[in-house]
Amino acid sequence: MKMSSASMGGSKRRLPSRRLGGVLREQRAKLYIIRRCVVMLLCWHE
């Protein structure tokens, strides 16, 4: 929910580059965590 509201606000008005960088870094962190979880699940499945 939090991520969708942030993206909607970004599309309506421009965000400062510093905030945009923070959002991108947060998204990269989430992707990294999800990827690690998927790898662990695959390893456990075997």
N, C-alpha and C. Protein backbone atom coordinates (compact mmCIF):
# COMPACT_ATOMS: atom_id res chain seq x y z
N MET A 1 0.85 -1.21 0.00
CA MET A 1 0.00 0.00 0.00
C MET A 1 0.88 1.24 0.00
N LYS A 2 1.91 1.23 0.82
CA LYS A 2 2.78 2.40 0.95
C LYS A 2 3.50 2.69 -0.37
N MET A 3 3.96 1.63 -1.04
CA MET A 3 4.71 1.80 -2.28
C MET A 3 3.81 2.37 -3.38
N SER A 4 2.56 1.87 -3.48
CA SER A 4 1.67 2.33 -4.54
C SER A 4 1.32 3.82 -4.36
N SER A 5 1.07 4.24 -3.11
CA SER A 5 0.73 5.64 -2.88
C SER A 5 1.91 6.55 -3.24
N ALA A 6 3.12 6.08 -2.96
CA ALA A 6 4.30 6.89 -3.27
C ALA A 6 4.46 7.04 -4.78
N SER A 7 4.23 5.95 -5.51
CA SER A 7 4.38 6.01 -6.97
C SER A 7 3.30 6.91 -7.57
N MET A 8 2.09 6.86 -7.02
CA MET A 8 1.02 7.71 -7.53
C MET A 8 1.36 9.19 -7.31
N GLY A 9 1.89 9.51 -6.13
CA GLY A 9 2.26 10.89 -5.85
C GLY A 9 3.39 11.35 -6.76
N GLY A 10 4.31 10.44 -7.07
CA GLY A 10 5.43 10.81 -7.94
C GLY A 10 4.97 11.11 -9.35
N SER A 11 3.92 10.41 -9.82
CA SER A 11 3.46 10.63 -11.19
C SER A 11 2.75 11.98 -11.32
N LYS A 12 2.14 12.44 -10.23
CA LYS A 12 1.38 13.70 -10.30
C LYS A 12 2.32 14.91 -10.25
N ARG A 13 3.36 14.81 -9.41
CA ARG A 13 4.28 15.95 -9.29
C ARG A 13 5.72 15.46 -9.21
N ARG A 14 6.64 16.33 -9.57
CA ARG A 14 8.05 15.93 -9.58
C ARG A 14 8.59 15.85 -8.16
N LEU A 15 9.42 14.84 -7.93
CA LEU A 15 10.03 14.67 -6.62
C LEU A 15 11.49 15.12 -6.68
N PRO A 16 12.02 15.62 -5.58
CA PRO A 16 13.44 16.00 -5.57
C PRO A 16 14.32 14.79 -5.87
N SER A 17 15.46 15.02 -6.49
CA SER A 17 16.34 13.93 -6.88
C SER A 17 16.79 13.12 -5.66
N ARG A 18 16.95 13.80 -4.53
CA ARG A 18 17.40 13.09 -3.33
C ARG A 18 16.35 12.09 -2.87
N ARG A 19 15.09 12.52 -2.88
CA ARG A 19 14.01 11.61 -2.47
C ARG A 19 13.86 10.47 -3.48
N LEU A 20 13.99 10.80 -4.76
CA LEU A 20 13.87 9.79 -5.80
C LEU A 20 14.96 8.73 -5.63
N GLY A 21 16.17 9.17 -5.31
CA GLY A 21 17.26 8.22 -5.09
C GLY A 21 16.96 7.32 -3.90
N GLY A 22 16.39 7.88 -2.86
CA GLY A 22 16.03 7.07 -1.69
C GLY A 22 14.97 6.03 -2.04
N VAL A 23 14.00 6.43 -2.85
CA VAL A 23 12.95 5.49 -3.26
C VAL A 23 13.55 4.37 -4.10
N LEU A 24 14.43 4.72 -5.03
CA LEU A 24 15.06 3.70 -5.87
C LEU A 24 15.88 2.74 -5.03
N ARG A 25 16.61 3.29 -4.05
CA ARG A 25 17.43 2.43 -3.18
C ARG A 25 16.54 1.50 -2.37
N GLU A 26 15.37 2.02 -1.92
CA GLU A 26 14.44 1.20 -1.15
C GLU A 26 13.89 0.06 -2.01
N GLN A 27 13.56 0.38 -3.27
CA GLN A 27 13.03 -0.65 -4.17
C GLN A 27 14.09 -1.72 -4.44
N ARG A 28 15.34 -1.28 -4.63
CA ARG A 28 16.42 -2.24 -4.87
C ARG A 28 16.59 -3.15 -3.67
N ALA A 29 16.48 -2.59 -2.46
CA ALA A 29 16.61 -3.40 -1.25
C ALA A 29 15.49 -4.43 -1.17
N LYS A 30 14.25 -4.01 -1.51
CA LYS A 30 13.12 -4.94 -1.48
C LYS A 30 13.33 -6.06 -2.49
N LEU A 31 13.79 -5.71 -3.70
CA LEU A 31 14.03 -6.73 -4.72
C LEU A 31 15.10 -7.71 -4.25
N TYR A 32 16.15 -7.19 -3.59
CA TYR A 32 17.22 -8.05 -3.10
C TYR A 32 16.70 -9.03 -2.06
N ILE A 33 15.87 -8.53 -1.14
CA ILE A 33 15.30 -9.39 -0.10
C ILE A 33 14.40 -10.46 -0.71
N ILE A 34 13.56 -10.05 -1.66
CA ILE A 34 12.65 -11.01 -2.31
C ILE A 34 13.45 -12.08 -3.04
N ARG A 35 14.51 -11.65 -3.72
CA ARG A 35 15.34 -12.60 -4.47
C ARG A 35 15.99 -13.60 -3.52
N ARG A 36 16.48 -13.12 -2.37
CA ARG A 36 17.10 -14.03 -1.39
C ARG A 36 16.08 -15.04 -0.88
N CYS A 37 14.85 -14.57 -0.64
CA CYS A 37 13.79 -15.48 -0.16
C CYS A 37 13.50 -16.55 -1.20
N VAL A 38 13.42 -16.16 -2.47
CA VAL A 38 13.14 -17.12 -3.53
C VAL A 38 14.26 -18.15 -3.61
N VAL A 39 15.50 -17.71 -3.50
CA VAL A 39 16.63 -18.64 -3.57
C VAL A 39 16.57 -19.63 -2.41
N MET A 40 16.25 -19.13 -1.21
CA MET A 40 16.15 -20.02 -0.05
C MET A 40 15.03 -21.04 -0.24
N LEU A 41 13.89 -20.59 -0.75
CA LEU A 41 12.77 -21.50 -0.96
C LEU A 41 13.14 -22.58 -1.98
N LEU A 42 13.83 -22.17 -3.05
CA LEU A 42 14.24 -23.15 -4.07
C LEU A 42 15.22 -24.16 -3.47
N CYS A 43 16.15 -23.69 -2.65
CA CYS A 43 17.12 -24.58 -2.05
C CYS A 43 16.41 -25.56 -1.11
N TRP A 44 15.45 -25.08 -0.33
CA TRP A 44 14.73 -25.95 0.59
C TRP A 44 13.89 -26.96 -0.17
N HIS A 45 13.35 -26.55 -1.34
CA HIS A 45 12.51 -27.45 -2.12
C HIS A 45 13.30 -28.68 -2.56
N GLU A 46 14.56 -28.47 -2.91
CA GLU A 46 15.41 -29.59 -3.32
C GLU A 46 15.73 -30.44 -2.11
